[in-house]
Amino acid sequence: MININLANSEHQALIQSYLDTFSDSDLETLKAATPPLTISALVDGRGMACPMPLLKTKVALRSLPPSESVYILATDPNSQTDLAAFCQQEGLQLLLSTRTDEDSTDGLEKLDTIFHLIITKTNGN
């Protein structure tokens, strides 16, 4: 089960819209999380250069109780690497690290890559 527990309904809708696009295997991974996945914070790092998404994630994790998760969106590929290393160093559980490619809304032929990470705070951090 995936619970989204955010006060901001726009953030809740944003996360749900991305979850709806995930592959079946990614969703199964999230649904199989123990304890059940509760997303209680969103870090929207789209358009921010590294290390800003990492710094915002650290701040968000401080306010979460153990076993709750933060959902991170980032467009800088270095953020994905930095956040994975941060989780390993701090003993955090990185539940998901995936990406989506979205059509640009400015009419150009390029794709914007968005990296999605879900990190669960464990007891010791």
PDB file of N, CA and C in Angstrom:
ATOM      1  N   MET A   1       0.833  -1.174   0.000  1.00  0.00           N
ATOM      2  CA  MET A   1       0.000   0.000   0.000  1.00  0.00           C
ATOM      3  C   MET A   1       0.879   1.239   0.000  1.00  0.00           C
ATOM      4  N   ILE A   2       0.451   2.264  -0.718  1.00  0.00           N
ATOM      5  CA  ILE A   2       1.174   3.525  -0.786  1.00  0.00           C
ATOM      6  C   ILE A   2       0.262   4.618  -0.232  1.00  0.00           C
ATOM      7  N   ASN A   3       0.690   5.241   0.866  1.00  0.00           N
ATOM      8  CA  ASN A   3      -0.062   6.343   1.467  1.00  0.00           C
ATOM      9  C   ASN A   3       0.652   7.650   1.150  1.00  0.00           C
ATOM     10  N   ILE A   4      -0.109   8.631   0.717  1.00  0.00           N
ATOM     11  CA  ILE A   4       0.439   9.968   0.499  1.00  0.00           C
ATOM     12  C   ILE A   4      -0.185  10.866   1.550  1.00  0.00           C
ATOM     13  N   ASN A   5       0.652  11.371   2.450  1.00  0.00           N
ATOM     14  CA  ASN A   5       0.182  12.117   3.607  1.00  0.00           C
ATOM     15  C   ASN A   5       0.770  13.530   3.574  1.00  0.00           C
ATOM     16  N   LEU A   6       0.264  14.347   2.652  1.00  0.00           N
ATOM     17  CA  LEU A   6       0.763  15.712   2.507  1.00  0.00           C
ATOM     18  C   LEU A   6      -0.368  16.704   2.749  1.00  0.00           C
ATOM     19  N   ALA A   7      -0.058  17.802   3.420  1.00  0.00           N
ATOM     20  CA  ALA A   7      -1.063  18.829   3.673  1.00  0.00           C
ATOM     21  C   ALA A   7      -1.433  19.585   2.395  1.00  0.00           C
ATOM     22  N   ASN A   8      -0.472  19.754   1.504  1.00  0.00           N
ATOM     23  CA  ASN A   8      -0.690  20.495   0.270  1.00  0.00           C
ATOM     24  C   ASN A   8      -1.318  19.567  -0.779  1.00  0.00           C
ATOM     25  N   SER A   9      -2.545  19.845  -1.156  1.00  0.00           N
ATOM     26  CA  SER A   9      -3.258  18.970  -2.096  1.00  0.00           C
ATOM     27  C   SER A   9      -2.628  18.995  -3.491  1.00  0.00           C
ATOM     28  N   GLU A  10      -2.015  20.108  -3.872  1.00  0.00           N
ATOM     29  CA  GLU A  10      -1.333  20.167  -5.172  1.00  0.00           C
ATOM     30  C   GLU A  10      -0.130  19.233  -5.185  1.00  0.00           C
ATOM     31  N   HIS A  11       0.612  19.202  -4.108  1.00  0.00           N
ATOM     32  CA  HIS A  11       1.762  18.291  -4.007  1.00  0.00           C
ATOM     33  C   HIS A  11       1.290  16.849  -4.019  1.00  0.00           C
ATOM     34  N   GLN A  12       0.201  16.587  -3.310  1.00  0.00           N
ATOM     35  CA  GLN A  12      -0.352  15.234  -3.273  1.00  0.00           C
ATOM     36  C   GLN A  12      -0.769  14.797  -4.679  1.00  0.00           C
ATOM     37  N   ALA A  13      -1.428  15.681  -5.425  1.00  0.00           N
ATOM     38  CA  ALA A  13      -1.861  15.362  -6.784  1.00  0.00           C
ATOM     39  C   ALA A  13      -0.662  15.166  -7.711  1.00  0.00           C
ATOM     40  N   LEU A  14       0.402  15.962  -7.520  1.00  0.00           N
ATOM     41  CA  LEU A  14       1.602  15.828  -8.335  1.00  0.00           C
ATOM     42  C   LEU A  14       2.235  14.453  -8.131  1.00  0.00           C
ATOM     43  N   ILE A  15       2.398  14.051  -6.890  1.00  0.00           N
ATOM     44  CA  ILE A  15       2.984  12.743  -6.608  1.00  0.00           C
ATOM     45  C   ILE A  15       2.104  11.638  -7.194  1.00  0.00           C
ATOM     46  N   GLN A  16       0.812  11.734  -6.996  1.00  0.00           N
ATOM     47  CA  GLN A  16      -0.090  10.702  -7.509  1.00  0.00           C
ATOM     48  C   GLN A  16      -0.017  10.615  -9.031  1.00  0.00           C
ATOM     49  N   SER A  17       0.109  11.758  -9.701  1.00  0.00           N
ATOM     50  CA  SER A  17       0.195  11.739 -11.168  1.00  0.00           C
ATOM     51  C   SER A  17       1.461  11.024 -11.635  1.00  0.00           C
ATOM     52  N   TYR A  18       2.561  11.194 -10.919  1.00  0.00           N
ATOM     53  CA  TYR A  18       3.784  10.477 -11.284  1.00  0.00           C
ATOM     54  C   TYR A  18       3.691   9.000 -10.935  1.00  0.00           C
ATOM     55  N   LEU A  19       3.109   8.676  -9.785  1.00  0.00           N
ATOM     56  CA  LEU A  19       2.953   7.270  -9.424  1.00  0.00           C
ATOM     57  C   LEU A  19       2.116   6.526 -10.461  1.00  0.00           C
ATOM     58  N   ASP A  20       1.146   7.214 -11.044  1.00  0.00           N
ATOM     59  CA  ASP A  20       0.292   6.600 -12.053  1.00  0.00           C
ATOM     60  C   ASP A  20       1.048   6.244 -13.333  1.00  0.00           C
ATOM     61  N   THR A  21       2.221   6.846 -13.543  1.00  0.00           N
ATOM     62  CA  THR A  21       2.993   6.575 -14.756  1.00  0.00           C
ATOM     63  C   THR A  21       4.096   5.538 -14.538  1.00  0.00           C
ATOM     64  N   PHE A  22       4.297   5.106 -13.297  1.00  0.00           N
ATOM     65  CA  PHE A  22       5.372   4.163 -13.014  1.00  0.00           C
ATOM     66  C   PHE A  22       5.076   2.796 -13.609  1.00  0.00           C
ATOM     67  N   SER A  23       6.139   2.066 -13.878  1.00  0.00           N
ATOM     68  CA  SER A  23       5.997   0.699 -14.395  1.00  0.00           C
ATOM     69  C   SER A  23       5.398  -0.191 -13.305  1.00  0.00           C
ATOM     70  N   ASP A  24       4.847  -1.307 -13.736  1.00  0.00           N
ATOM     71  CA  ASP A  24       4.270  -2.257 -12.788  1.00  0.00           C
ATOM     72  C   ASP A  24       5.309  -2.756 -11.795  1.00  0.00           C
ATOM     73  N   SER A  25       6.536  -2.989 -12.263  1.00  0.00           N
ATOM     74  CA  SER A  25       7.573  -3.493 -11.356  1.00  0.00           C
ATOM     75  C   SER A  25       7.953  -2.442 -10.307  1.00  0.00           C
ATOM     76  N   ASP A  26       8.020  -1.160 -10.703  1.00  0.00           N
ATOM     77  CA  ASP A  26       8.300  -0.099  -9.734  1.00  0.00           C
ATOM     78  C   ASP A  26       7.180  -0.008  -8.699  1.00  0.00           C
ATOM     79  N   LEU A  27       5.936  -0.093  -9.152  1.00  0.00           N
ATOM     80  CA  LEU A  27       4.801  -0.028  -8.228  1.00  0.00           C
ATOM     81  C   LEU A  27       4.783  -1.218  -7.274  1.00  0.00           C
ATOM     82  N   GLU A  28       5.126  -2.391  -7.779  1.00  0.00           N
ATOM     83  CA  GLU A  28       5.175  -3.576  -6.915  1.00  0.00           C
ATOM     84  C   GLU A  28       6.248  -3.416  -5.848  1.00  0.00           C
ATOM     85  N   THR A  29       7.386  -2.845  -6.234  1.00  0.00           N
ATOM     86  CA  THR A  29       8.453  -2.585  -5.262  1.00  0.00           C
ATOM     87  C   THR A  29       7.953  -1.667  -4.159  1.00  0.00           C
ATOM     88  N   LEU A  30       7.241  -0.611  -4.533  1.00  0.00           N
ATOM     89  CA  LEU A  30       6.738   0.343  -3.551  1.00  0.00           C
ATOM     90  C   LEU A  30       5.655  -0.272  -2.670  1.00  0.00           C
ATOM     91  N   LYS A  31       4.785  -1.050  -3.270  1.00  0.00           N
ATOM     92  CA  LYS A  31       3.689  -1.661  -2.509  1.00  0.00           C
ATOM     93  C   LYS A  31       4.198  -2.737  -1.551  1.00  0.00           C
ATOM     94  N   ALA A  32       5.348  -3.315  -1.863  1.00  0.00           N
ATOM     95  CA  ALA A  32       5.908  -4.374  -1.019  1.00  0.00           C
ATOM     96  C   ALA A  32       6.764  -3.827   0.128  1.00  0.00           C
ATOM     97  N   ALA A  33       6.909  -2.511   0.198  1.00  0.00           N
ATOM     98  CA  ALA A  33       7.755  -1.911   1.239  1.00  0.00           C
ATOM     99  C   ALA A  33       7.240  -2.270   2.630  1.00  0.00           C
ATOM    100  N   THR A  34       8.190  -2.528   3.530  1.00  0.00           N
ATOM    101  CA  THR A  34       7.857  -2.825   4.913  1.00  0.00           C
ATOM    102  C   THR A  34       8.617  -1.872   5.807  1.00  0.00           C
ATOM    103  N   PRO A  35       7.969  -1.101   6.640  1.00  0.00           N
ATOM    104  CA  PRO A  35       6.524  -0.961   6.784  1.00  0.00           C
ATOM    105  C   PRO A  35       5.914  -0.328   5.533  1.00  0.00           C
ATOM    106  N   PRO A  36       4.586  -0.330   5.434  1.00  0.00           N
ATOM    107  CA  PRO A  36       3.945   0.243   4.241  1.00  0.00           C
ATOM    108  C   PRO A  36       4.417   1.676   3.982  1.00  0.00           C
ATOM    109  N   LEU A  37       4.575   2.012   2.717  1.00  0.00           N
ATOM    110  CA  LEU A  37       5.117   3.302   2.300  1.00  0.00           C
ATOM    111  C   LEU A  37       4.162   4.441   2.649  1.00  0.00           C
ATOM    112  N   THR A  38       4.681   5.420   3.390  1.00  0.00           N
ATOM    113  CA  THR A  38       3.951   6.649   3.687  1.00  0.00           C
ATOM    114  C   THR A  38       4.817   7.812   3.251  1.00  0.00           C
ATOM    115  N   ILE A  39       4.369   8.507   2.205  1.00  0.00           N
ATOM    116  CA  ILE A  39       5.098   9.668   1.702  1.00  0.00           C
ATOM    117  C   ILE A  39       4.561  10.891   2.429  1.00  0.00           C
ATOM    118  N   SER A  40       5.424  11.522   3.229  1.00  0.00           N
ATOM    119  CA  SER A  40       5.014  12.642   4.068  1.00  0.00           C
ATOM    120  C   SER A  40       5.680  13.955   3.689  1.00  0.00           C
ATOM    121  N   ALA A  41       6.548  13.931   2.681  1.00  0.00           N
ATOM    122  CA  ALA A  41       7.220  15.160   2.252  1.00  0.00           C
ATOM    123  C   ALA A  41       7.536  15.065   0.772  1.00  0.00           C
ATOM    124  N   LEU A  42       7.548  16.226   0.125  1.00  0.00           N
ATOM    125  CA  LEU A  42       7.917  16.327  -1.284  1.00  0.00           C
ATOM    126  C   LEU A  42       9.043  17.329  -1.408  1.00  0.00           C
ATOM    127  N   VAL A  43      10.088  16.934  -2.117  1.00  0.00           N
ATOM    128  CA  VAL A  43      11.159  17.865  -2.490  1.00  0.00           C
ATOM    129  C   VAL A  43      11.073  18.026  -3.996  1.00  0.00           C
ATOM    130  N   ASP A  44      10.689  19.209  -4.437  1.00  0.00           N
ATOM    131  CA  ASP A  44      10.594  19.492  -5.863  1.00  0.00           C
ATOM    132  C   ASP A  44      11.859  20.214  -6.282  1.00  0.00           C
ATOM    133  N   GLY A  45      12.825  19.431  -6.749  1.00  0.00           N
ATOM    134  CA  GLY A  45      14.117  19.975  -7.152  1.00  0.00           C
ATOM    135  C   GLY A  45      14.238  20.143  -8.652  1.00  0.00           C
ATOM    136  N   ARG A  46      13.102  20.148  -9.358  1.00  0.00           N
ATOM    137  CA  ARG A  46      13.151  20.317 -10.812  1.00  0.00           C
ATOM    138  C   ARG A  46      13.714  21.698 -11.149  1.00  0.00           C
ATOM    139  N   GLY A  47      14.676  21.704 -12.047  1.00  0.00           N
ATOM    140  CA  GLY A  47      15.299  22.954 -12.473  1.00  0.00           C
ATOM    141  C   GLY A  47      16.408  23.437 -11.559  1.00  0.00           C
ATOM    142  N   MET A  48      16.667  22.732 -10.480  1.00  0.00           N
ATOM    143  CA  MET A  48      17.721  23.124  -9.541  1.00  0.00           C
ATOM    144  C   MET A  48      18.981  22.320  -9.813  1.00  0.00           C
ATOM    145  N   ALA A  49      20.102  23.015  -9.790  1.00  0.00           N
ATOM    146  CA  ALA A  49      21.385  22.335  -9.947  1.00  0.00           C
ATOM    147  C   ALA A  49      21.774  21.685  -8.634  1.00  0.00           C
ATOM    148  N   CYS A  50      22.534  20.610  -8.764  1.00  0.00           N
ATOM    149  CA  CYS A  50      23.072  19.924  -7.613  1.00  0.00           C
ATOM    150  C   CYS A  50      24.006  20.886  -6.883  1.00  0.00           C
ATOM    151  N   PRO A  51      24.018  20.986  -5.607  1.00  0.00           N
ATOM    152  CA  PRO A  51      23.497  20.085  -4.584  1.00  0.00           C
ATOM    153  C   PRO A  51      22.159  20.518  -3.975  1.00  0.00           C
ATOM    154  N   MET A  52      21.428  21.444  -4.574  1.00  0.00           N
ATOM    155  CA  MET A  52      20.193  21.943  -3.960  1.00  0.00           C
ATOM    156  C   MET A  52      19.161  20.849  -3.662  1.00  0.00           C
ATOM    157  N   PRO A  53      18.870  19.911  -4.596  1.00  0.00           N
ATOM    158  CA  PRO A  53      17.914  18.859  -4.229  1.00  0.00           C
ATOM    159  C   PRO A  53      18.378  18.026  -3.017  1.00  0.00           C
ATOM    160  N   LEU A  54      19.671  17.775  -2.934  1.00  0.00           N
ATOM    161  CA  LEU A  54      20.214  17.039  -1.791  1.00  0.00           C
ATOM    162  C   LEU A  54      20.025  17.834  -0.496  1.00  0.00           C
ATOM    163  N   LEU A  55      20.344  19.111  -0.521  1.00  0.00           N
ATOM    164  CA  LEU A  55      20.202  19.942   0.677  1.00  0.00           C
ATOM    165  C   LEU A  55      18.743  20.041   1.108  1.00  0.00           C
ATOM    166  N   LYS A  56      17.834  20.195   0.149  1.00  0.00           N
ATOM    167  CA  LYS A  56      16.410  20.257   0.467  1.00  0.00           C
ATOM    168  C   LYS A  56      15.915  18.920   1.021  1.00  0.00           C
ATOM    169  N   THR A  57      16.471  17.830   0.527  1.00  0.00           N
ATOM    170  CA  THR A  57      16.104  16.508   1.031  1.00  0.00           C
ATOM    171  C   THR A  57      16.555  16.347   2.482  1.00  0.00           C
ATOM    172  N   LYS A  58      17.763  16.790   2.785  1.00  0.00           N
ATOM    173  CA  LYS A  58      18.254  16.714   4.162  1.00  0.00           C
ATOM    174  C   LYS A  58      17.339  17.477   5.111  1.00  0.00           C
ATOM    175  N   VAL A  59      16.903  18.667   4.702  1.00  0.00           N
ATOM    176  CA  VAL A  59      15.998  19.466   5.530  1.00  0.00           C
ATOM    177  C   VAL A  59      14.656  18.751   5.703  1.00  0.00           C
ATOM    178  N   ALA A  60      14.125  18.198   4.628  1.00  0.00           N
ATOM    179  CA  ALA A  60      12.834  17.504   4.700  1.00  0.00           C
ATOM    180  C   ALA A  60      12.915  16.287   5.615  1.00  0.00           C
ATOM    181  N   LEU A  61      14.008  15.552   5.558  1.00  0.00           N
ATOM    182  CA  LEU A  61      14.158  14.359   6.386  1.00  0.00           C
ATOM    183  C   LEU A  61      14.205  14.688   7.876  1.00  0.00           C
ATOM    184  N   ARG A  62      14.710  15.858   8.226  1.00  0.00           N
ATOM    185  CA  ARG A  62      14.792  16.244   9.639  1.00  0.00           C
ATOM    186  C   ARG A  62      13.420  16.294  10.297  1.00  0.00           C
ATOM    187  N   SER A  63      12.404  16.688   9.525  1.00  0.00           N
ATOM    188  CA  SER A  63      11.072  16.858  10.104  1.00  0.00           C
ATOM    189  C   SER A  63      10.238  15.576  10.093  1.00  0.00           C
ATOM    190  N   LEU A  64      10.754  14.522   9.465  1.00  0.00           N
ATOM    191  CA  LEU A  64       9.993  13.277   9.367  1.00  0.00           C
ATOM    192  C   LEU A  64      10.290  12.337  10.526  1.00  0.00           C
ATOM    193  N   PRO A  65       9.257  11.663  11.029  1.00  0.00           N
ATOM    194  CA  PRO A  65       9.517  10.601  12.002  1.00  0.00           C
ATOM    195  C   PRO A  65      10.055   9.365  11.277  1.00  0.00           C
ATOM    196  N   PRO A  66      10.684   8.452  12.012  1.00  0.00           N
ATOM    197  CA  PRO A  66      11.173   7.217  11.384  1.00  0.00           C
ATOM    198  C   PRO A  66      10.051   6.475  10.661  1.00  0.00           C
ATOM    199  N   SER A  67      10.407   5.810   9.583  1.00  0.00           N
ATOM    200  CA  SER A  67       9.525   4.990   8.741  1.00  0.00           C
ATOM    201  C   SER A  67       8.689   5.799   7.758  1.00  0.00           C
ATOM    202  N   GLU A  68       8.796   7.126   7.762  1.00  0.00           N
ATOM    203  CA  GLU A  68       8.093   7.919   6.766  1.00  0.00           C
ATOM    204  C   GLU A  68       9.070   8.316   5.664  1.00  0.00           C
ATOM    205  N   SER A  69       8.508   8.665   4.499  1.00  0.00           N
ATOM    206  CA  SER A  69       9.328   8.840   3.301  1.00  0.00           C
ATOM    207  C   SER A  69       9.186  10.228   2.692  1.00  0.00           C
ATOM    208  N   VAL A  70      10.213  10.594   1.951  1.00  0.00           N
ATOM    209  CA  VAL A  70      10.215  11.823   1.167  1.00  0.00           C
ATOM    210  C   VAL A  70      10.314  11.441  -0.305  1.00  0.00           C
ATOM    211  N   TYR A  71       9.521  12.112  -1.130  1.00  0.00           N
ATOM    212  CA  TYR A  71       9.516  11.902  -2.574  1.00  0.00           C
ATOM    213  C   TYR A  71      10.298  13.056  -3.176  1.00  0.00           C
ATOM    214  N   ILE A  72      11.312  12.742  -3.973  1.00  0.00           N
ATOM    215  CA  ILE A  72      12.171  13.768  -4.553  1.00  0.00           C
ATOM    216  C   ILE A  72      12.030  13.763  -6.066  1.00  0.00           C
ATOM    217  N   LEU A  73      11.847  14.959  -6.628  1.00  0.00           N
ATOM    218  CA  LEU A  73      11.874  15.170  -8.073  1.00  0.00           C
ATOM    219  C   LEU A  73      13.098  16.009  -8.379  1.00  0.00           C
ATOM    220  N   ALA A  74      13.868  15.618  -9.374  1.00  0.00           N
ATOM    221  CA  ALA A  74      15.060  16.370  -9.744  1.00  0.00           C
ATOM    222  C   ALA A  74      15.282  16.255 -11.247  1.00  0.00           C
ATOM    223  N   THR A  75      15.881  17.267 -11.824  1.00  0.00           N
ATOM    224  CA  THR A  75      16.215  17.219 -13.249  1.00  0.00           C
ATOM    225  C   THR A  75      17.711  17.172 -13.484  1.00  0.00           C
ATOM    226  N   ASP A  76      18.502  17.435 -12.479  1.00  0.00           N
ATOM    227  CA  ASP A  76      19.957  17.357 -12.593  1.00  0.00           C
ATOM    228  C   ASP A  76      20.386  15.908 -12.361  1.00  0.00           C
ATOM    229  N   PRO A  77      20.988  15.249 -13.371  1.00  0.00           N
ATOM    230  CA  PRO A  77      21.374  13.843 -13.207  1.00  0.00           C
ATOM    231  C   PRO A  77      22.345  13.610 -12.050  1.00  0.00           C
ATOM    232  N   ASN A  78      23.125  14.613 -11.695  1.00  0.00           N
ATOM    233  CA  ASN A  78      24.040  14.457 -10.562  1.00  0.00           C
ATOM    234  C   ASN A  78      23.281  14.273  -9.250  1.00  0.00           C
ATOM    235  N   SER A  79      22.061  14.785  -9.178  1.00  0.00           N
ATOM    236  CA  SER A  79      21.267  14.641  -7.961  1.00  0.00           C
ATOM    237  C   SER A  79      20.955  13.186  -7.686  1.00  0.00           C
ATOM    238  N   GLN A  80      20.669  12.425  -8.713  1.00  0.00           N
ATOM    239  CA  GLN A  80      20.353  11.017  -8.534  1.00  0.00           C
ATOM    240  C   GLN A  80      21.546  10.290  -7.897  1.00  0.00           C
ATOM    241  N   THR A  81      22.729  10.549  -8.399  1.00  0.00           N
ATOM    242  CA  THR A  81      23.942   9.933  -7.870  1.00  0.00           C
ATOM    243  C   THR A  81      24.229  10.407  -6.449  1.00  0.00           C
ATOM    244  N   ASP A  82      24.123  11.713  -6.225  1.00  0.00           N
ATOM    245  CA  ASP A  82      24.402  12.276  -4.900  1.00  0.00           C
ATOM    246  C   ASP A  82      23.425  11.763  -3.847  1.00  0.00           C
ATOM    247  N   LEU A  83      22.146  11.672  -4.199  1.00  0.00           N
ATOM    248  CA  LEU A  83      21.148  11.207  -3.238  1.00  0.00           C
ATOM    249  C   LEU A  83      21.342   9.720  -2.914  1.00  0.00           C
ATOM    250  N   ALA A  84      21.713   8.921  -3.907  1.00  0.00           N
ATOM    251  CA  ALA A  84      21.986   7.501  -3.652  1.00  0.00           C
ATOM    252  C   ALA A  84      23.180   7.354  -2.712  1.00  0.00           C
ATOM    253  N   ALA A  85      24.231   8.131  -2.934  1.00  0.00           N
ATOM    254  CA  ALA A  85      25.405   8.082  -2.066  1.00  0.00           C
ATOM    255  C   ALA A  85      25.066   8.561  -0.653  1.00  0.00           C
ATOM    256  N   PHE A  86      24.246   9.599  -0.560  1.00  0.00           N
ATOM    257  CA  PHE A  86      23.811  10.122   0.735  1.00  0.00           C
ATOM    258  C   PHE A  86      23.056   9.042   1.516  1.00  0.00           C
ATOM    259  N   CYS A  87      22.162   8.333   0.852  1.00  0.00           N
ATOM    260  CA  CYS A  87      21.397   7.266   1.510  1.00  0.00           C
ATOM    261  C   CYS A  87      22.323   6.179   2.041  1.00  0.00           C
ATOM    262  N   GLN A  88      23.282   5.797   1.239  1.00  0.00           N
ATOM    263  CA  GLN A  88      24.224   4.757   1.654  1.00  0.00           C
ATOM    264  C   GLN A  88      25.050   5.219   2.847  1.00  0.00           C
ATOM    265  N   GLN A  89      25.512   6.454   2.809  1.00  0.00           N
ATOM    266  CA  GLN A  89      26.347   6.993   3.880  1.00  0.00           C
ATOM    267  C   GLN A  89      25.563   7.144   5.189  1.00  0.00           C
ATOM    268  N   GLU A  90      24.292   7.565   5.080  1.00  0.00           N
ATOM    269  CA  GLU A  90      23.495   7.842   6.274  1.00  0.00           C
ATOM    270  C   GLU A  90      22.645   6.659   6.740  1.00  0.00           C
ATOM    271  N   GLY A  91      22.662   5.561   6.007  1.00  0.00           N
ATOM    272  CA  GLY A  91      21.867   4.408   6.390  1.00  0.00           C
ATOM    273  C   GLY A  91      20.387   4.575   6.129  1.00  0.00           C
ATOM    274  N   LEU A  92      20.044   5.407   5.159  1.00  0.00           N
ATOM    275  CA  LEU A  92      18.651   5.614   4.775  1.00  0.00           C
ATOM    276  C   LEU A  92      18.242   4.563   3.751  1.00  0.00           C
ATOM    277  N   GLN A  93      16.961   4.294   3.652  1.00  0.00           N
ATOM    278  CA  GLN A  93      16.468   3.310   2.697  1.00  0.00           C
ATOM    279  C   GLN A  93      16.016   4.023   1.419  1.00  0.00           C
ATOM    280  N   LEU A  94      16.731   3.761   0.334  1.00  0.00           N
ATOM    281  CA  LEU A  94      16.353   4.291  -0.976  1.00  0.00           C
ATOM    282  C   LEU A  94      15.408   3.267  -1.606  1.00  0.00           C
ATOM    283  N   LEU A  95      14.111   3.565  -1.551  1.00  0.00           N
ATOM    284  CA  LEU A  95      13.099   2.625  -2.047  1.00  0.00           C
ATOM    285  C   LEU A  95      12.998   2.614  -3.560  1.00  0.00           C
ATOM    286  N   LEU A  96      13.193   3.776  -4.168  1.00  0.00           N
ATOM    287  CA  LEU A  96      13.019   3.868  -5.614  1.00  0.00           C
ATOM    288  C   LEU A  96      13.927   4.941  -6.166  1.00  0.00           C
ATOM    289  N   SER A  97      14.541   4.639  -7.284  1.00  0.00           N
ATOM    290  CA  SER A  97      15.313   5.620  -8.037  1.00  0.00           C
ATOM    291  C   SER A  97      15.041   5.314  -9.501  1.00  0.00           C
ATOM    292  N   THR A  98      14.227   6.145 -10.112  1.00  0.00           N
ATOM    293  CA  THR A  98      13.841   5.918 -11.498  1.00  0.00           C
ATOM    294  C   THR A  98      13.784   7.252 -12.230  1.00  0.00           C
ATOM    295  N   ARG A  99      13.427   7.208 -13.480  1.00  0.00           N
ATOM    296  CA  ARG A  99      13.370   8.442 -14.270  1.00  0.00           C
ATOM    297  C   ARG A  99      12.241   8.353 -15.280  1.00  0.00           C
ATOM    298  N   THR A 100      11.754   9.514 -15.653  1.00  0.00           N
ATOM    299  CA  THR A 100      10.781   9.600 -16.737  1.00  0.00           C
ATOM    300  C   THR A 100      11.258  10.667 -17.705  1.00  0.00           C
ATOM    301  N   ASP A 101      10.946  10.469 -18.947  1.00  0.00           N
ATOM    302  CA  ASP A 101      11.245  11.461 -19.973  1.00  0.00           C
ATOM    303  C   ASP A 101       9.925  12.056 -20.428  1.00  0.00           C
ATOM    304  N   GLU A 102       9.826  13.372 -20.332  1.00  0.00           N
ATOM    305  CA  GLU A 102       8.584  14.050 -20.679  1.00  0.00           C
ATOM    306  C   GLU A 102       8.802  14.952 -21.883  1.00  0.00           C
ATOM    307  N   ASP A 103       7.781  15.042 -22.712  1.00  0.00           N
ATOM    308  CA  ASP A 103       7.849  15.958 -23.844  1.00  0.00           C
ATOM    309  C   ASP A 103       7.919  17.387 -23.334  1.00  0.00           C
ATOM    310  N   SER A 104       8.759  18.163 -23.955  1.00  0.00           N
ATOM    311  CA  SER A 104       8.888  19.560 -23.609  1.00  0.00           C
ATOM    312  C   SER A 104       7.627  20.297 -24.044  1.00  0.00           C
ATOM    313  N   THR A 105       7.187  21.250 -23.236  1.00  0.00           N
ATOM    314  CA  THR A 105       5.985  22.004 -23.574  1.00  0.00           C
ATOM    315  C   THR A 105       6.293  23.230 -24.432  1.00  0.00           C
ATOM    316  N   ASP A 106       7.573  23.467 -24.734  1.00  0.00           N
ATOM    317  CA  ASP A 106       7.907  24.654 -25.522  1.00  0.00           C
ATOM    318  C   ASP A 106       7.976  24.372 -27.020  1.00  0.00           C
ATOM    319  N   GLY A 107       7.547  23.187 -27.441  1.00  0.00           N
ATOM    320  CA  GLY A 107       7.498  22.870 -28.863  1.00  0.00           C
ATOM    321  C   GLY A 107       8.805  22.374 -29.444  1.00  0.00           C
ATOM    322  N   LEU A 108       9.847  22.330 -28.659  1.00  0.00           N
ATOM    323  CA  LEU A 108      11.117  21.838 -29.165  1.00  0.00           C
ATOM    324  C   LEU A 108      11.106  20.319 -29.165  1.00  0.00           C
ATOM    325  N   GLU A 109      12.036  19.729 -29.893  1.00  0.00           N
ATOM    326  CA  GLU A 109      12.092  18.271 -30.024  1.00  0.00           C
ATOM    327  C   GLU A 109      12.831  17.581 -28.878  1.00  0.00           C
ATOM    328  N   LYS A 110      13.187  18.312 -27.864  1.00  0.00           N
ATOM    329  CA  LYS A 110      13.949  17.714 -26.776  1.00  0.00           C
ATOM    330  C   LYS A 110      13.028  17.086 -25.735  1.00  0.00           C
ATOM    331  N   LEU A 111      13.609  16.243 -24.914  1.00  0.00           N
ATOM    332  CA  LEU A 111      12.892  15.645 -23.796  1.00  0.00           C
ATOM    333  C   LEU A 111      13.501  16.145 -22.498  1.00  0.00           C
ATOM    334  N   ASP A 112      12.669  16.359 -21.522  1.00  0.00           N
ATOM    335  CA  ASP A 112      13.138  16.700 -20.184  1.00  0.00           C
ATOM    336  C   ASP A 112      13.116  15.432 -19.346  1.00  0.00           C
ATOM    337  N   THR A 113      14.218  15.125 -18.723  1.00  0.00           N
ATOM    338  CA  THR A 113      14.311  13.948 -17.873  1.00  0.00           C
ATOM    339  C   THR A 113      14.060  14.364 -16.432  1.00  0.00           C
ATOM    340  N   ILE A 114      13.158  13.651 -15.780  1.00  0.00           N
ATOM    341  CA  ILE A 114      12.885  13.887 -14.369  1.00  0.00           C
ATOM    342  C   ILE A 114      13.271  12.622 -13.615  1.00  0.00           C
ATOM    343  N   PHE A 115      14.088  12.804 -12.593  1.00  0.00           N
ATOM    344  CA  PHE A 115      14.510  11.697 -11.744  1.00  0.00           C
ATOM    345  C   PHE A 115      13.588  11.666 -10.529  1.00  0.00           C
ATOM    346  N   HIS A 116      13.119  10.476 -10.193  1.00  0.00           N
ATOM    347  CA  HIS A 116      12.219  10.270  -9.065  1.00  0.00           C
ATOM    348  C   HIS A 116      12.939   9.397  -8.053  1.00  0.00           C
ATOM    349  N   LEU A 117      12.976   9.846  -6.815  1.00  0.00           N
ATOM    350  CA  LEU A 117      13.579   9.056  -5.746  1.00  0.00           C
ATOM    351  C   LEU A 117      12.636   9.071  -4.556  1.00  0.00           C
ATOM    352  N   ILE A 118      12.541   7.960  -3.879  1.00  0.00           N
ATOM    353  CA  ILE A 118      11.776   7.887  -2.642  1.00  0.00           C
ATOM    354  C   ILE A 118      12.719   7.344  -1.577  1.00  0.00           C
ATOM    355  N   ILE A 119      12.897   8.138  -0.525  1.00  0.00           N
ATOM    356  CA  ILE A 119      13.817   7.805   0.558  1.00  0.00           C
ATOM    357  C   ILE A 119      13.013   7.688   1.846  1.00  0.00           C
ATOM    358  N   THR A 120      13.215   6.592   2.564  1.00  0.00           N
ATOM    359  CA  THR A 120      12.547   6.379   3.841  1.00  0.00           C
ATOM    360  C   THR A 120      13.527   6.617   4.975  1.00  0.00           C
ATOM    361  N   LYS A 121      13.084   7.397   5.938  1.00  0.00           N
ATOM    362  CA  LYS A 121      13.901   7.653   7.111  1.00  0.00           C
ATOM    363  C   LYS A 121      13.875   6.412   8.005  1.00  0.00           C
ATOM    364  N   THR A 122      15.045   5.975   8.395  1.00  0.00           N
ATOM    365  CA  THR A 122      15.153   4.825   9.275  1.00  0.00           C
ATOM    366  C   THR A 122      15.345   5.303  10.707  1.00  0.00           C
ATOM    367  N   ASN A 123      15.373   4.404  11.648  1.00  0.00           N
ATOM    368  CA  ASN A 123      15.418   4.778  13.065  1.00  0.00           C
ATOM    369  C   ASN A 123      16.642   5.580  13.461  1.00  0.00           C
ATOM    370  N   GLY A 124      17.791   5.297  12.860  1.00  0.00           N
ATOM    371  CA  GLY A 124      19.023   5.900  13.344  1.00  0.00           C
ATOM    372  C   GLY A 124      19.380   7.254  12.790  1.00  0.00           C
ATOM    373  N   ASN A 125      18.526   7.870  11.981  1.00  0.00           N
ATOM    374  CA  ASN A 125      18.960   9.132  11.367  1.00  0.00           C
ATOM    375  C   ASN A 125      17.956  10.218  11.522  1.00  0.00           C
TER     376      ASN A 125
END
